[in-house]
Amino acid sequence: MRCVIARFPFDLVKSEVEQLMKGVRPEPGTGAAVKVGTKVYPVKQVGERITKQDRRDFTADEVTRALIRLGFTCQTLPAEAAPELGGPTF
């Protein structure tokens, strides 16, 4: 499938994306995520691997749209709860 990410055209195939992510450990994070195989990755991590571009060069939305068109399941990871601050209250 042909798509444009960060103004550059890419021909992506689902099996090639799966192969590129094989053996890659998912980074912790919140926000946009995609399930590749049995693992859930931040969309920006996958985008960096498949485009070989810096993450700052594209948006999560661009990669999410491309991955959905390829048949991947995308989701939004919830923000982690802020830790309770201990100590005296005044």
PDB file of N, CA and C in Angstrom:
ATOM      1  N   MET A   1       0.836  -1.168   0.000  1.00  0.00           N
ATOM      2  CA  MET A   1       0.000   0.000   0.000  1.00  0.00           C
ATOM      3  C   MET A   1       0.887   1.240   0.000  1.00  0.00           C
ATOM      4  N   ARG A   2       0.563   2.177  -0.843  1.00  0.00           N
ATOM      5  CA  ARG A   2       1.333   3.413  -0.914  1.00  0.00           C
ATOM      6  C   ARG A   2       0.733   4.429   0.042  1.00  0.00           C
ATOM      7  N   CYS A   3       1.575   5.069   0.830  1.00  0.00           N
ATOM      8  CA  CYS A   3       1.121   6.110   1.750  1.00  0.00           C
ATOM      9  C   CYS A   3       2.197   7.191   1.839  1.00  0.00           C
ATOM     10  N   VAL A   4       1.805   8.329   2.354  1.00  0.00           N
ATOM     11  CA  VAL A   4       2.739   9.440   2.515  1.00  0.00           C
ATOM     12  C   VAL A   4       2.866   9.738   3.997  1.00  0.00           C
ATOM     13  N   ILE A   5       4.108   9.722   4.475  1.00  0.00           N
ATOM     14  CA  ILE A   5       4.408  10.050   5.865  1.00  0.00           C
ATOM     15  C   ILE A   5       5.515  11.091   5.839  1.00  0.00           C
ATOM     16  N   ALA A   6       5.270  12.222   6.478  1.00  0.00           N
ATOM     17  CA  ALA A   6       6.233  13.322   6.523  1.00  0.00           C
ATOM     18  C   ALA A   6       6.629  13.757   5.108  1.00  0.00           C
ATOM     19  N   ARG A   7       5.636  13.840   4.225  1.00  0.00           N
ATOM     20  CA  ARG A   7       5.817  14.291   2.840  1.00  0.00           C
ATOM     21  C   ARG A   7       6.651  13.341   1.978  1.00  0.00           C
ATOM     22  N   PHE A   8       6.928  12.124   2.460  1.00  0.00           N
ATOM     23  CA  PHE A   8       7.679  11.139   1.686  1.00  0.00           C
ATOM     24  C   PHE A   8       6.779   9.936   1.398  1.00  0.00           C
ATOM     25  N   PRO A   9       6.772   9.437   0.162  1.00  0.00           N
ATOM     26  CA  PRO A   9       5.950   8.268  -0.162  1.00  0.00           C
ATOM     27  C   PRO A   9       6.621   6.963   0.289  1.00  0.00           C
ATOM     28  N   PHE A  10       5.806   6.049   0.776  1.00  0.00           N
ATOM     29  CA  PHE A  10       6.277   4.734   1.208  1.00  0.00           C
ATOM     30  C   PHE A  10       5.328   3.677   0.669  1.00  0.00           C
ATOM     31  N   ASP A  11       5.893   2.561   0.238  1.00  0.00           N
ATOM     32  CA  ASP A  11       5.106   1.393  -0.147  1.00  0.00           C
ATOM     33  C   ASP A  11       5.219   0.407   1.003  1.00  0.00           C
ATOM     34  N   LEU A  12       4.146   0.287   1.779  1.00  0.00           N
ATOM     35  CA  LEU A  12       4.165  -0.556   2.971  1.00  0.00           C
ATOM     36  C   LEU A  12       3.342  -1.813   2.758  1.00  0.00           C
ATOM     37  N   VAL A  13       3.824  -2.899   3.329  1.00  0.00           N
ATOM     38  CA  VAL A  13       3.127  -4.185   3.316  1.00  0.00           C
ATOM     39  C   VAL A  13       3.066  -4.662   4.760  1.00  0.00           C
ATOM     40  N   LYS A  14       1.903  -5.156   5.167  1.00  0.00           N
ATOM     41  CA  LYS A  14       1.702  -5.564   6.561  1.00  0.00           C
ATOM     42  C   LYS A  14       2.769  -6.556   7.019  1.00  0.00           C
ATOM     43  N   SER A  15       3.063  -7.557   6.215  1.00  0.00           N
ATOM     44  CA  SER A  15       4.045  -8.573   6.615  1.00  0.00           C
ATOM     45  C   SER A  15       5.447  -7.969   6.789  1.00  0.00           C
ATOM     46  N   GLU A  16       5.768  -6.953   5.995  1.00  0.00           N
ATOM     47  CA  GLU A  16       7.082  -6.302   6.131  1.00  0.00           C
ATOM     48  C   GLU A  16       7.161  -5.499   7.422  1.00  0.00           C
ATOM     49  N   VAL A  17       6.072  -4.841   7.790  1.00  0.00           N
ATOM     50  CA  VAL A  17       6.039  -4.104   9.061  1.00  0.00           C
ATOM     51  C   VAL A  17       6.212  -5.086  10.214  1.00  0.00           C
ATOM     52  N   GLU A  18       5.511  -6.215  10.145  1.00  0.00           N
ATOM     53  CA  GLU A  18       5.631  -7.233  11.200  1.00  0.00           C
ATOM     54  C   GLU A  18       7.067  -7.743  11.288  1.00  0.00           C
ATOM     55  N   GLN A  19       7.704  -7.951  10.158  1.00  0.00           N
ATOM     56  CA  GLN A  19       9.082  -8.435  10.137  1.00  0.00           C
ATOM     57  C   GLN A  19      10.037  -7.400  10.732  1.00  0.00           C
ATOM     58  N   LEU A  20       9.844  -6.124  10.403  1.00  0.00           N
ATOM     59  CA  LEU A  20      10.699  -5.061  10.929  1.00  0.00           C
ATOM     60  C   LEU A  20      10.592  -4.943  12.454  1.00  0.00           C
ATOM     61  N   MET A  21       9.411  -5.254  12.994  1.00  0.00           N
ATOM     62  CA  MET A  21       9.203  -5.107  14.438  1.00  0.00           C
ATOM     63  C   MET A  21       9.520  -6.392  15.209  1.00  0.00           C
ATOM     64  N   LYS A  22       9.808  -7.463  14.496  1.00  0.00           N
ATOM     65  CA  LYS A  22      10.112  -8.739  15.132  1.00  0.00           C
ATOM     66  C   LYS A  22      11.375  -8.600  15.995  1.00  0.00           C
ATOM     67  N   GLY A  23      11.271  -8.984  17.248  1.00  0.00           N
ATOM     68  CA  GLY A  23      12.404  -8.935  18.164  1.00  0.00           C
ATOM     69  C   GLY A  23      12.658  -7.566  18.775  1.00  0.00           C
ATOM     70  N   VAL A  24      11.817  -6.576  18.462  1.00  0.00           N
ATOM     71  CA  VAL A  24      11.975  -5.233  19.008  1.00  0.00           C
ATOM     72  C   VAL A  24      11.136  -5.127  20.276  1.00  0.00           C
ATOM     73  N   ARG A  25      11.754  -4.653  21.337  1.00  0.00           N
ATOM     74  CA  ARG A  25      11.050  -4.491  22.608  1.00  0.00           C
ATOM     75  C   ARG A  25      10.223  -3.203  22.574  1.00  0.00           C
ATOM     76  N   PRO A  26       8.931  -3.293  22.916  1.00  0.00           N
ATOM     77  CA  PRO A  26       8.095  -2.087  22.949  1.00  0.00           C
ATOM     78  C   PRO A  26       8.571  -1.113  24.027  1.00  0.00           C
ATOM     79  N   GLU A  27       8.603   0.151  23.672  1.00  0.00           N
ATOM     80  CA  GLU A  27       8.973   1.185  24.637  1.00  0.00           C
ATOM     81  C   GLU A  27       7.767   1.514  25.506  1.00  0.00           C
ATOM     82  N   PRO A  28       7.992   1.865  26.757  1.00  0.00           N
ATOM     83  CA  PRO A  28       6.857   2.284  27.589  1.00  0.00           C
ATOM     84  C   PRO A  28       6.366   3.641  27.107  1.00  0.00           C
ATOM     85  N   GLY A  29       5.112   3.903  27.301  1.00  0.00           N
ATOM     86  CA  GLY A  29       4.606   5.204  26.897  1.00  0.00           C
ATOM     87  C   GLY A  29       3.107   5.275  26.961  1.00  0.00           C
ATOM     88  N   THR A  30       2.617   6.427  26.620  1.00  0.00           N
ATOM     89  CA  THR A  30       1.181   6.664  26.576  1.00  0.00           C
ATOM     90  C   THR A  30       0.849   7.251  25.213  1.00  0.00           C
ATOM     91  N   GLY A  31      -0.418   7.354  24.921  1.00  0.00           N
ATOM     92  CA  GLY A  31      -0.837   7.936  23.643  1.00  0.00           C
ATOM     93  C   GLY A  31      -1.125   6.871  22.614  1.00  0.00           C
ATOM     94  N   ALA A  32      -0.907   7.213  21.354  1.00  0.00           N
ATOM     95  CA  ALA A  32      -1.242   6.327  20.240  1.00  0.00           C
ATOM     96  C   ALA A  32      -0.358   5.086  20.252  1.00  0.00           C
ATOM     97  N   ALA A  33      -0.986   3.924  20.064  1.00  0.00           N
ATOM     98  CA  ALA A  33      -0.263   2.651  20.075  1.00  0.00           C
ATOM     99  C   ALA A  33      -0.857   1.731  19.014  1.00  0.00           C
ATOM    100  N   VAL A  34      -0.061   0.740  18.619  1.00  0.00           N
ATOM    101  CA  VAL A  34      -0.496  -0.218  17.597  1.00  0.00           C
ATOM    102  C   VAL A  34      -0.099  -1.615  18.038  1.00  0.00           C
ATOM    103  N   LYS A  35      -0.967  -2.575  17.768  1.00  0.00           N
ATOM    104  CA  LYS A  35      -0.677  -3.965  18.076  1.00  0.00           C
ATOM    105  C   LYS A  35      -0.059  -4.617  16.849  1.00  0.00           C
ATOM    106  N   VAL A  36       1.178  -5.075  17.003  1.00  0.00           N
ATOM    107  CA  VAL A  36       1.893  -5.776  15.938  1.00  0.00           C
ATOM    108  C   VAL A  36       2.213  -7.161  16.484  1.00  0.00           C
ATOM    109  N   GLY A  37       1.587  -8.173  15.929  1.00  0.00           N
ATOM    110  CA  GLY A  37       1.739  -9.518  16.482  1.00  0.00           C
ATOM    111  C   GLY A  37       1.054  -9.567  17.834  1.00  0.00           C
ATOM    112  N   THR A  38       1.818  -9.930  18.864  1.00  0.00           N
ATOM    113  CA  THR A  38       1.257 -10.006  20.213  1.00  0.00           C
ATOM    114  C   THR A  38       1.673  -8.830  21.078  1.00  0.00           C
ATOM    115  N   LYS A  39       2.440  -7.909  20.525  1.00  0.00           N
ATOM    116  CA  LYS A  39       2.956  -6.781  21.307  1.00  0.00           C
ATOM    117  C   LYS A  39       2.289  -5.476  20.899  1.00  0.00           C
ATOM    118  N   VAL A  40       2.229  -4.555  21.870  1.00  0.00           N
ATOM    119  CA  VAL A  40       1.669  -3.232  21.623  1.00  0.00           C
ATOM    120  C   VAL A  40       2.812  -2.223  21.678  1.00  0.00           C
ATOM    121  N   TYR A  41       2.992  -1.494  20.579  1.00  0.00           N
ATOM    122  CA  TYR A  41       4.083  -0.531  20.443  1.00  0.00           C
ATOM    123  C   TYR A  41       3.533   0.888  20.346  1.00  0.00           C
ATOM    124  N   PRO A  42       4.281   1.872  20.846  1.00  0.00           N
ATOM    125  CA  PRO A  42       3.910   3.259  20.546  1.00  0.00           C
ATOM    126  C   PRO A  42       3.992   3.473  19.030  1.00  0.00           C
ATOM    127  N   VAL A  43       3.042   4.175  18.476  1.00  0.00           N
ATOM    128  CA  VAL A  43       2.984   4.397  17.034  1.00  0.00           C
ATOM    129  C   VAL A  43       4.258   5.071  16.529  1.00  0.00           C
ATOM    130  N   LYS A  44       4.790   6.009  17.296  1.00  0.00           N
ATOM    131  CA  LYS A  44       6.002   6.716  16.869  1.00  0.00           C
ATOM    132  C   LYS A  44       7.192   5.759  16.780  1.00  0.00           C
ATOM    133  N   GLN A  45       7.272   4.756  17.657  1.00  0.00           N
ATOM    134  CA  GLN A  45       8.358   3.771  17.601  1.00  0.00           C
ATOM    135  C   GLN A  45       8.270   2.974  16.303  1.00  0.00           C
ATOM    136  N   VAL A  46       7.071   2.541  15.946  1.00  0.00           N
ATOM    137  CA  VAL A  46       6.882   1.790  14.707  1.00  0.00           C
ATOM    138  C   VAL A  46       7.168   2.681  13.506  1.00  0.00           C
ATOM    139  N   GLY A  47       6.678   3.917  13.545  1.00  0.00           N
ATOM    140  CA  GLY A  47       6.919   4.851  12.449  1.00  0.00           C
ATOM    141  C   GLY A  47       8.398   5.091  12.205  1.00  0.00           C
ATOM    142  N   GLU A  48       9.160   5.191  13.267  1.00  0.00           N
ATOM    143  CA  GLU A  48      10.598   5.395  13.127  1.00  0.00           C
ATOM    144  C   GLU A  48      11.257   4.201  12.445  1.00  0.00           C
ATOM    145  N   ARG A  49      10.827   2.991  12.793  1.00  0.00           N
ATOM    146  CA  ARG A  49      11.398   1.784  12.186  1.00  0.00           C
ATOM    147  C   ARG A  49      11.035   1.653  10.713  1.00  0.00           C
ATOM    148  N   ILE A  50       9.781   1.923  10.373  1.00  0.00           N
ATOM    149  CA  ILE A  50       9.357   1.675   8.997  1.00  0.00           C
ATOM    150  C   ILE A  50       9.770   2.791   8.040  1.00  0.00           C
ATOM    151  N   THR A  51       9.948   4.012   8.551  1.00  0.00           N
ATOM    152  CA  THR A  51      10.327   5.122   7.670  1.00  0.00           C
ATOM    153  C   THR A  51      11.817   5.441   7.731  1.00  0.00           C
ATOM    154  N   LYS A  52      12.486   4.975   8.773  1.00  0.00           N
ATOM    155  CA  LYS A  52      13.899   5.301   9.002  1.00  0.00           C
ATOM    156  C   LYS A  52      14.109   6.809   9.141  1.00  0.00           C
ATOM    157  N   GLN A  53      13.081   7.494   9.643  1.00  0.00           N
ATOM    158  CA  GLN A  53      13.142   8.926   9.891  1.00  0.00           C
ATOM    159  C   GLN A  53      13.107   9.187  11.389  1.00  0.00           C
ATOM    160  N   ASP A  54      13.546  10.363  11.773  1.00  0.00           N
ATOM    161  CA  ASP A  54      13.466  10.786  13.166  1.00  0.00           C
ATOM    162  C   ASP A  54      11.994  10.952  13.545  1.00  0.00           C
ATOM    163  N   ARG A  55      11.645  10.612  14.758  1.00  0.00           N
ATOM    164  CA  ARG A  55      10.257  10.697  15.214  1.00  0.00           C
ATOM    165  C   ARG A  55       9.692  12.108  15.154  1.00  0.00           C
ATOM    166  N   ARG A  56      10.552  13.087  15.214  1.00  0.00           N
ATOM    167  CA  ARG A  56      10.085  14.471  15.171  1.00  0.00           C
ATOM    168  C   ARG A  56       9.652  14.886  13.768  1.00  0.00           C
ATOM    169  N   ASP A  57       9.956  14.066  12.753  1.00  0.00           N
ATOM    170  CA  ASP A  57       9.649  14.408  11.373  1.00  0.00           C
ATOM    171  C   ASP A  57       8.229  14.050  10.946  1.00  0.00           C
ATOM    172  N   PHE A  58       7.517  13.277  11.750  1.00  0.00           N
ATOM    173  CA  PHE A  58       6.158  12.875  11.382  1.00  0.00           C
ATOM    174  C   PHE A  58       5.265  12.892  12.604  1.00  0.00           C
ATOM    175  N   THR A  59       3.960  12.873  12.358  1.00  0.00           N
ATOM    176  CA  THR A  59       3.009  12.858  13.466  1.00  0.00           C
ATOM    177  C   THR A  59       2.521  11.432  13.715  1.00  0.00           C
ATOM    178  N   ALA A  60       2.035  11.206  14.911  1.00  0.00           N
ATOM    179  CA  ALA A  60       1.462   9.902  15.241  1.00  0.00           C
ATOM    180  C   ALA A  60       0.235   9.640  14.379  1.00  0.00           C
ATOM    181  N   ASP A  61      -0.511  10.690  14.042  1.00  0.00           N
ATOM    182  CA  ASP A  61      -1.707  10.524  13.216  1.00  0.00           C
ATOM    183  C   ASP A  61      -1.371  10.009  11.820  1.00  0.00           C
ATOM    184  N   GLU A  62      -0.284  10.498  11.236  1.00  0.00           N
ATOM    185  CA  GLU A  62       0.110  10.034   9.901  1.00  0.00           C
ATOM    186  C   GLU A  62       0.385   8.534   9.911  1.00  0.00           C
ATOM    187  N   VAL A  63       1.131   8.086  10.907  1.00  0.00           N
ATOM    188  CA  VAL A  63       1.499   6.670  10.999  1.00  0.00           C
ATOM    189  C   VAL A  63       0.271   5.832  11.357  1.00  0.00           C
ATOM    190  N   THR A  64      -0.559   6.339  12.258  1.00  0.00           N
ATOM    191  CA  THR A  64      -1.762   5.609  12.654  1.00  0.00           C
ATOM    192  C   THR A  64      -2.662   5.356  11.453  1.00  0.00           C
ATOM    193  N   ARG A  65      -2.882   6.377  10.631  1.00  0.00           N
ATOM    194  CA  ARG A  65      -3.721   6.206   9.437  1.00  0.00           C
ATOM    195  C   ARG A  65      -3.152   5.132   8.512  1.00  0.00           C
ATOM    196  N   ALA A  66      -1.829   5.162   8.306  1.00  0.00           N
ATOM    197  CA  ALA A  66      -1.200   4.171   7.427  1.00  0.00           C
ATOM    198  C   ALA A  66      -1.332   2.763   8.004  1.00  0.00           C
ATOM    199  N   LEU A  67      -1.115   2.614   9.304  1.00  0.00           N
ATOM    200  CA  LEU A  67      -1.181   1.294   9.928  1.00  0.00           C
ATOM    201  C   LEU A  67      -2.600   0.736   9.931  1.00  0.00           C
ATOM    202  N   ILE A  68      -3.582   1.599  10.127  1.00  0.00           N
ATOM    203  CA  ILE A  68      -4.975   1.149  10.075  1.00  0.00           C
ATOM    204  C   ILE A  68      -5.318   0.670   8.666  1.00  0.00           C
ATOM    205  N   ARG A  69      -4.862   1.399   7.653  1.00  0.00           N
ATOM    206  CA  ARG A  69      -5.118   0.991   6.272  1.00  0.00           C
ATOM    207  C   ARG A  69      -4.459  -0.346   5.944  1.00  0.00           C
ATOM    208  N   LEU A  70      -3.350  -0.657   6.631  1.00  0.00           N
ATOM    209  CA  LEU A  70      -2.678  -1.945   6.430  1.00  0.00           C
ATOM    210  C   LEU A  70      -3.388  -3.081   7.173  1.00  0.00           C
ATOM    211  N   GLY A  71      -4.294  -2.734   8.096  1.00  0.00           N
ATOM    212  CA  GLY A  71      -5.034  -3.759   8.821  1.00  0.00           C
ATOM    213  C   GLY A  71      -4.606  -3.960  10.254  1.00  0.00           C
ATOM    214  N   PHE A  72      -3.758  -3.080  10.775  1.00  0.00           N
ATOM    215  CA  PHE A  72      -3.345  -3.184  12.176  1.00  0.00           C
ATOM    216  C   PHE A  72      -4.396  -2.553  13.079  1.00  0.00           C
ATOM    217  N   THR A  73      -4.416  -2.989  14.341  1.00  0.00           N
ATOM    218  CA  THR A  73      -5.318  -2.437  15.339  1.00  0.00           C
ATOM    219  C   THR A  73      -4.580  -1.353  16.114  1.00  0.00           C
ATOM    220  N   CYS A  74      -5.100  -0.146  16.063  1.00  0.00           N
ATOM    221  CA  CYS A  74      -4.502   0.973  16.789  1.00  0.00           C
ATOM    222  C   CYS A  74      -5.415   1.349  17.946  1.00  0.00           C
ATOM    223  N   GLN A  75      -4.806   1.891  18.985  1.00  0.00           N
ATOM    224  CA  GLN A  75      -5.544   2.268  20.188  1.00  0.00           C
ATOM    225  C   GLN A  75      -4.831   3.421  20.863  1.00  0.00           C
ATOM    226  N   THR A  76      -5.471   3.980  21.866  1.00  0.00           N
ATOM    227  CA  THR A  76      -4.849   5.029  22.659  1.00  0.00           C
ATOM    228  C   THR A  76      -4.577   4.468  24.041  1.00  0.00           C
ATOM    229  N   LEU A  77      -3.316   4.528  24.451  1.00  0.00           N
ATOM    230  CA  LEU A  77      -2.958   4.066  25.781  1.00  0.00           C
ATOM    231  C   LEU A  77      -3.272   5.171  26.777  1.00  0.00           C
ATOM    232  N   PRO A  78      -3.869   4.821  27.909  1.00  0.00           N
ATOM    233  CA  PRO A  78      -4.205   5.851  28.899  1.00  0.00           C
ATOM    234  C   PRO A  78      -2.955   6.415  29.562  1.00  0.00           C
ATOM    235  N   ALA A  79      -3.051   7.674  29.981  1.00  0.00           N
ATOM    236  CA  ALA A  79      -1.947   8.299  30.715  1.00  0.00           C
ATOM    237  C   ALA A  79      -1.850   7.629  32.078  1.00  0.00           C
ATOM    238  N   GLU A  80      -0.624   7.445  32.525  1.00  0.00           N
ATOM    239  CA  GLU A  80      -0.435   6.837  33.830  1.00  0.00           C
ATOM    240  C   GLU A  80      -0.886   7.820  34.895  1.00  0.00           C
ATOM    241  N   ALA A  81      -1.459   7.274  35.949  1.00  0.00           N
ATOM    242  CA  ALA A  81      -1.918   8.119  37.045  1.00  0.00           C
ATOM    243  C   ALA A  81      -0.726   8.779  37.721  1.00  0.00           C
ATOM    244  N   ALA A  82      -0.914  10.028  38.092  1.00  0.00           N
ATOM    245  CA  ALA A  82       0.165  10.745  38.780  1.00  0.00           C
ATOM    246  C   ALA A  82       0.385  10.099  40.142  1.00  0.00           C
ATOM    247  N   PRO A  83       1.640   9.899  40.538  1.00  0.00           N
ATOM    248  CA  PRO A  83       1.897   9.286  41.838  1.00  0.00           C
ATOM    249  C   PRO A  83       1.451  10.201  42.968  1.00  0.00           C
ATOM    250  N   GLU A  84       1.005   9.580  44.018  1.00  0.00           N
ATOM    251  CA  GLU A  84       0.589  10.343  45.199  1.00  0.00           C
ATOM    252  C   GLU A  84       1.826  10.965  45.842  1.00  0.00           C
ATOM    253  N   LEU A  85       1.698  12.202  46.160  1.00  0.00           N
ATOM    254  CA  LEU A  85       2.808  12.877  46.839  1.00  0.00           C
ATOM    255  C   LEU A  85       2.614  12.684  48.330  1.00  0.00           C
ATOM    256  N   GLY A  86       3.633  12.137  48.965  1.00  0.00           N
ATOM    257  CA  GLY A  86       3.555  11.919  50.412  1.00  0.00           C
ATOM    258  C   GLY A  86       4.079  13.124  51.161  1.00  0.00           C
ATOM    259  N   GLY A  87       3.844  13.159  52.403  1.00  0.00           N
ATOM    260  CA  GLY A  87       4.371  14.257  53.212  1.00  0.00           C
ATOM    261  C   GLY A  87       3.254  14.981  53.928  1.00  0.00           C
ATOM    262  N   PRO A  88       3.645  15.894  54.758  1.00  0.00           N
ATOM    263  CA  PRO A  88       2.642  16.592  55.557  1.00  0.00           C
ATOM    264  C   PRO A  88       1.838  17.583  54.710  1.00  0.00           C
ATOM    265  N   THR A  89       0.607  17.776  55.116  1.00  0.00           N
ATOM    266  CA  THR A  89      -0.231  18.782  54.485  1.00  0.00           C
ATOM    267  C   THR A  89      -0.372  19.923  55.465  1.00  0.00           C
ATOM    268  N   PHE A  90      -0.361  21.108  54.992  1.00  0.00           N
ATOM    269  CA  PHE A  90      -0.420  22.270  55.868  1.00  0.00           C
ATOM    270  C   PHE A  90      -1.709  23.010  55.680  1.00  0.00           C
TER     271      PHE A  90
END
